[in-house]
Each structure stands twice: as structure tokens, then as C-alpha cells.
């Protein structure tokens, strides 16, 4: 009887771990499609998740003396992106991706791949991902 109870206790834990792993895989696929494969981005998701924080992000760029900031969020299979320059220019979704590609001409894919783990970590904790960048 103890063996059966032990196995039954492990099933929800293993299912939960598998569910989280599958969720992260789906998140990464959505990010890859939007950021690396030039997939569509979701304006409504931008408005819901990122638009309200534009002023805070601008202030963060000033406070930290950064050249620009990137924020990326995702929900299910949708992705939204915001890029703000130190001059206060806003680029949303596909325009943000194109602006970033023009700034990181040779390193865009490498840099985005580098940031994927921290993006997934933020999403798994219920936050959107944001990063301030200084150009050298």
C-alpha cells in the first residue's frame, strides 16, 4: 500500500514538471518565430502588457545611462516587443525588431539567442523581459 501511495504522490509532481517543460518549449517556439523568423507580433498584447510601462522604461534608460531598452512579452503563441532609445523614440513590435536588427547588424541572431534563457526565466516567473543596453 505504501508503494502505491508513493507512486500516486509522484504522478502530480512529474506531470507538473512535464507541463512546465512543455510550456517553456512553446514559449521558446513563439519567441523564435517572432524574433528570429520574422513572424507576426501582437499589437493588443503590446497595449495590454508593455504600453503602461513606457514612462518607467524611459526613466530607467536615463537613470542607468543606457542607449536603449528592449522589452519582450509573450502570452500563449503571441509575442510583443518594445524598443525605446535614449532619445525617447518608441519602436513597437515588427518596427522594434527591424530597428534592433539595424543596430545589431552582424550580431542580432546571436544576441537574441543569448537572451532566450533570461526571457524564459522571466516569463516562467510571471514577468515580461526587459533589458537596458549600452552600445560600445
C-alpha atoms as a PDB file:
ATOM      1  CA  UNK A   1       0.000   0.000   0.000  1.00  0.00           C
ATOM      2  CA  UNK A   2       2.845   2.404   0.784  1.00  0.00           C
ATOM      3  CA  UNK A   3       4.369   1.821  -2.652  1.00  0.00           C
ATOM      4  CA  UNK A   4       1.076   2.677  -4.375  1.00  0.00           C
ATOM      5  CA  UNK A   5       0.687   5.869  -2.303  1.00  0.00           C
ATOM      6  CA  UNK A   6       4.257   6.846  -3.074  1.00  0.00           C
ATOM      7  CA  UNK A   7       3.681   6.417  -6.800  1.00  0.00           C
ATOM      8  CA  UNK A   8       0.415   8.352  -6.664  1.00  0.00           C
ATOM      9  CA  UNK A   9       2.169  11.224  -4.900  1.00  0.00           C
ATOM     10  CA  UNK A  10       4.843  11.340  -7.621  1.00  0.00           C
ATOM     11  CA  UNK A  11       2.396  11.484 -10.553  1.00  0.00           C
ATOM     12  CA  UNK A  12       1.227  15.100  -9.967  1.00  0.00           C
ATOM     13  CA  UNK A  13       4.819  16.244  -9.407  1.00  0.00           C
ATOM     14  CA  UNK A  14       6.054  14.599 -12.608  1.00  0.00           C
ATOM     15  CA  UNK A  15       3.036  15.873 -14.556  1.00  0.00           C
ATOM     16  CA  UNK A  16       3.630  19.403 -13.249  1.00  0.00           C
ATOM     17  CA  UNK A  17       7.311  19.266 -14.258  1.00  0.00           C
ATOM     18  CA  UNK A  18       6.388  17.951 -17.718  1.00  0.00           C
ATOM     19  CA  UNK A  19       3.710  20.630 -18.103  1.00  0.00           C
ATOM     20  CA  UNK A  20       6.193  23.387 -17.194  1.00  0.00           C
ATOM     21  CA  UNK A  21       8.783  21.989 -19.597  1.00  0.00           C
ATOM     22  CA  UNK A  22       6.244  21.834 -22.440  1.00  0.00           C
ATOM     23  CA  UNK A  23       5.102  25.377 -21.638  1.00  0.00           C
ATOM     24  CA  UNK A  24       8.693  26.639 -21.849  1.00  0.00           C
ATOM     25  CA  UNK A  25       9.155  24.836 -25.167  1.00  0.00           C
ATOM     26  CA  UNK A  26       6.007  26.512 -26.552  1.00  0.00           C
ATOM     27  CA  UNK A  27       7.206  29.900 -25.272  1.00  0.00           C
ATOM     28  CA  UNK A  28      10.586  29.465 -26.923  1.00  0.00           C
ATOM     29  CA  UNK A  29       8.977  28.443 -30.234  1.00  0.00           C
ATOM     30  CA  UNK A  30       6.772  31.546 -30.193  1.00  0.00           C
ATOM     31  CA  UNK A  31       9.786  33.748 -29.419  1.00  0.00           C
ATOM     32  CA  UNK A  32      11.899  32.172 -32.152  1.00  0.00           C
ATOM     33  CA  UNK A  33       9.137  32.617 -34.700  1.00  0.00           C
ATOM     34  CA  UNK A  34       8.571  36.285 -33.795  1.00  0.00           C
ATOM     35  CA  UNK A  35      12.143  37.387 -33.164  1.00  0.00           C
ATOM     36  CA  UNK A  36      14.272  35.218 -35.458  1.00  0.00           C
ATOM     37  CA  UNK A  37      11.901  34.080 -38.206  1.00  0.00           C
ATOM     38  CA  UNK A  38      10.227  37.480 -38.739  1.00  0.00           C
ATOM     39  CA  UNK A  39       6.851  36.235 -37.531  1.00  0.00           C
ATOM     40  CA  UNK A  40       3.940  38.491 -36.696  1.00  0.00           C
ATOM     41  CA  UNK A  41       3.716  40.237 -33.354  1.00  0.00           C
ATOM     42  CA  UNK A  42       0.601  41.138 -31.391  1.00  0.00           C
ATOM     43  CA  UNK A  43      -0.308  44.827 -31.011  1.00  0.00           C
ATOM     44  CA  UNK A  44      -3.024  44.068 -28.467  1.00  0.00           C
ATOM     45  CA  UNK A  45      -0.514  42.213 -26.298  1.00  0.00           C
ATOM     46  CA  UNK A  46       1.830  45.225 -26.510  1.00  0.00           C
ATOM     47  CA  UNK A  47      -1.003  47.528 -25.398  1.00  0.00           C
ATOM     48  CA  UNK A  48      -2.010  45.216 -22.557  1.00  0.00           C
ATOM     49  CA  UNK A  49       1.451  44.347 -21.202  1.00  0.00           C
ATOM     50  CA  UNK A  50       4.035  46.946 -22.225  1.00  0.00           C
ATOM     51  CA  UNK A  51       2.393  50.269 -23.082  1.00  0.00           C
ATOM     52  CA  UNK A  52       1.621  51.145 -19.462  1.00  0.00           C
ATOM     53  CA  UNK A  53       5.322  50.959 -18.523  1.00  0.00           C
ATOM     54  CA  UNK A  54       6.798  53.144 -21.286  1.00  0.00           C
ATOM     55  CA  UNK A  55       7.496  56.093 -18.967  1.00  0.00           C
ATOM     56  CA  UNK A  56       9.157  53.859 -16.366  1.00  0.00           C
ATOM     57  CA  UNK A  57      11.341  52.256 -19.014  1.00  0.00           C
ATOM     58  CA  UNK A  58      12.329  55.684 -20.403  1.00  0.00           C
ATOM     59  CA  UNK A  59      13.290  56.797 -16.897  1.00  0.00           C
ATOM     60  CA  UNK A  60      15.333  53.626 -16.427  1.00  0.00           C
ATOM     61  CA  UNK A  61      17.286  54.390 -19.604  1.00  0.00           C
ATOM     62  CA  UNK A  62      18.085  57.866 -18.267  1.00  0.00           C
ATOM     63  CA  UNK A  63      18.937  56.693 -14.744  1.00  0.00           C
ATOM     64  CA  UNK A  64      21.196  53.876 -15.945  1.00  0.00           C
ATOM     65  CA  UNK A  65      22.743  55.904 -18.803  1.00  0.00           C
ATOM     66  CA  UNK A  66      21.794  53.268 -21.367  1.00  0.00           C
ATOM     67  CA  UNK A  67      21.492  53.706 -25.120  1.00  0.00           C
ATOM     68  CA  UNK A  68      18.215  51.828 -25.427  1.00  0.00           C
ATOM     69  CA  UNK A  69      15.976  49.295 -23.739  1.00  0.00           C
ATOM     70  CA  UNK A  70      14.188  46.271 -25.127  1.00  0.00           C
ATOM     71  CA  UNK A  71      11.099  44.730 -23.570  1.00  0.00           C
ATOM     72  CA  UNK A  72       9.570  41.498 -24.847  1.00  0.00           C
ATOM     73  CA  UNK A  73       6.470  39.766 -23.598  1.00  0.00           C
ATOM     74  CA  UNK A  74       4.602  36.685 -24.673  1.00  0.00           C
ATOM     75  CA  UNK A  75       1.278  35.069 -23.951  1.00  0.00           C
ATOM     76  CA  UNK A  76       0.399  31.696 -25.405  1.00  0.00           C
ATOM     77  CA  UNK A  77       1.627  31.949 -29.005  1.00  0.00           C
ATOM     78  CA  UNK A  78       1.661  35.752 -29.157  1.00  0.00           C
ATOM     79  CA  UNK A  79       4.718  37.960 -28.757  1.00  0.00           C
ATOM     80  CA  UNK A  80       5.059  41.730 -28.375  1.00  0.00           C
ATOM     81  CA  UNK A  81       8.203  43.837 -28.363  1.00  0.00           C
ATOM     82  CA  UNK A  82       9.125  47.386 -27.433  1.00  0.00           C
ATOM     83  CA  UNK A  83      12.381  49.200 -28.124  1.00  0.00           C
ATOM     84  CA  UNK A  84      12.962  52.657 -26.654  1.00  0.00           C
ATOM     85  CA  UNK A  85      16.029  54.746 -27.487  1.00  0.00           C
ATOM     86  CA  UNK A  86      17.717  57.196 -25.129  1.00  0.00           C
ATOM     87  CA  UNK A  87      16.188  59.968 -27.269  1.00  0.00           C
ATOM     88  CA  UNK A  88      12.771  58.610 -26.318  1.00  0.00           C
ATOM     89  CA  UNK A  89      11.910  57.115 -29.699  1.00  0.00           C
ATOM     90  CA  UNK A  90       9.472  54.202 -29.454  1.00  0.00           C
ATOM     91  CA  UNK A  91       9.520  51.229 -31.791  1.00  0.00           C
ATOM     92  CA  UNK A  92       6.766  48.657 -31.385  1.00  0.00           C
ATOM     93  CA  UNK A  93       6.671  45.018 -32.472  1.00  0.00           C
ATOM     94  CA  UNK A  94       7.941  44.474 -36.038  1.00  0.00           C
ATOM     95  CA  UNK A  95       9.366  48.004 -36.165  1.00  0.00           C
ATOM     96  CA  UNK A  96      11.225  47.313 -32.903  1.00  0.00           C
ATOM     97  CA  UNK A  97      12.634  44.094 -34.354  1.00  0.00           C
ATOM     98  CA  UNK A  98      13.761  45.879 -37.526  1.00  0.00           C
ATOM     99  CA  UNK A  99      15.327  48.732 -35.549  1.00  0.00           C
ATOM    100  CA  UNK A 100      17.191  46.250 -33.375  1.00  0.00           C
ATOM    101  CA  UNK A 101      18.405  44.356 -36.451  1.00  0.00           C
ATOM    102  CA  UNK A 102      19.720  47.627 -37.891  1.00  0.00           C
ATOM    103  CA  UNK A 103      21.561  48.350 -34.637  1.00  0.00           C
ATOM    104  CA  UNK A 104      22.952  44.817 -34.300  1.00  0.00           C
ATOM    105  CA  UNK A 105      23.635  44.182 -37.990  1.00  0.00           C
ATOM    106  CA  UNK A 106      26.064  41.287 -37.509  1.00  0.00           C
ATOM    107  CA  UNK A 107      25.031  40.126 -34.043  1.00  0.00           C
ATOM    108  CA  UNK A 108      21.223  40.234 -33.954  1.00  0.00           C
ATOM    109  CA  UNK A 109      20.581  36.463 -34.028  1.00  0.00           C
ATOM    110  CA  UNK A 110      23.466  35.732 -31.660  1.00  0.00           C
ATOM    111  CA  UNK A 111      22.274  38.331 -29.139  1.00  0.00           C
ATOM    112  CA  UNK A 112      18.636  37.231 -29.273  1.00  0.00           C
ATOM    113  CA  UNK A 113      19.669  33.596 -28.756  1.00  0.00           C
ATOM    114  CA  UNK A 114      21.843  34.733 -25.848  1.00  0.00           C
ATOM    115  CA  UNK A 115      18.857  36.410 -24.203  1.00  0.00           C
ATOM    116  CA  UNK A 116      16.408  33.496 -24.635  1.00  0.00           C
ATOM    117  CA  UNK A 117      17.220  31.820 -21.291  1.00  0.00           C
ATOM    118  CA  UNK A 118      16.679  35.040 -19.326  1.00  0.00           C
ATOM    119  CA  UNK A 119      13.480  35.728 -21.288  1.00  0.00           C
ATOM    120  CA  UNK A 120      12.101  32.287 -20.479  1.00  0.00           C
ATOM    121  CA  UNK A 121      13.116  32.673 -16.847  1.00  0.00           C
ATOM    122  CA  UNK A 122      11.231  35.977 -16.572  1.00  0.00           C
ATOM    123  CA  UNK A 123       8.112  34.540 -18.242  1.00  0.00           C
ATOM    124  CA  UNK A 124       8.137  31.451 -16.058  1.00  0.00           C
ATOM    125  CA  UNK A 125       8.031  33.778 -13.030  1.00  0.00           C
ATOM    126  CA  UNK A 126       5.132  35.800 -14.420  1.00  0.00           C
ATOM    127  CA  UNK A 127       7.077  38.852 -15.643  1.00  0.00           C
ATOM    128  CA  UNK A 128       7.867  40.258 -19.028  1.00  0.00           C
ATOM    129  CA  UNK A 129      11.528  40.503 -20.022  1.00  0.00           C
ATOM    130  CA  UNK A 130      13.289  43.847 -20.161  1.00  0.00           C
ATOM    131  CA  UNK A 131      16.928  44.735 -20.704  1.00  0.00           C
ATOM    132  CA  UNK A 132      18.776  48.009 -20.959  1.00  0.00           C
ATOM    133  CA  UNK A 133      21.635  48.107 -23.460  1.00  0.00           C
ATOM    134  CA  UNK A 134      24.762  50.235 -23.674  1.00  0.00           C
ATOM    135  CA  UNK A 135      26.473  50.295 -27.046  1.00  0.00           C
ATOM    136  CA  UNK A 136      30.265  50.104 -27.107  1.00  0.00           C
END
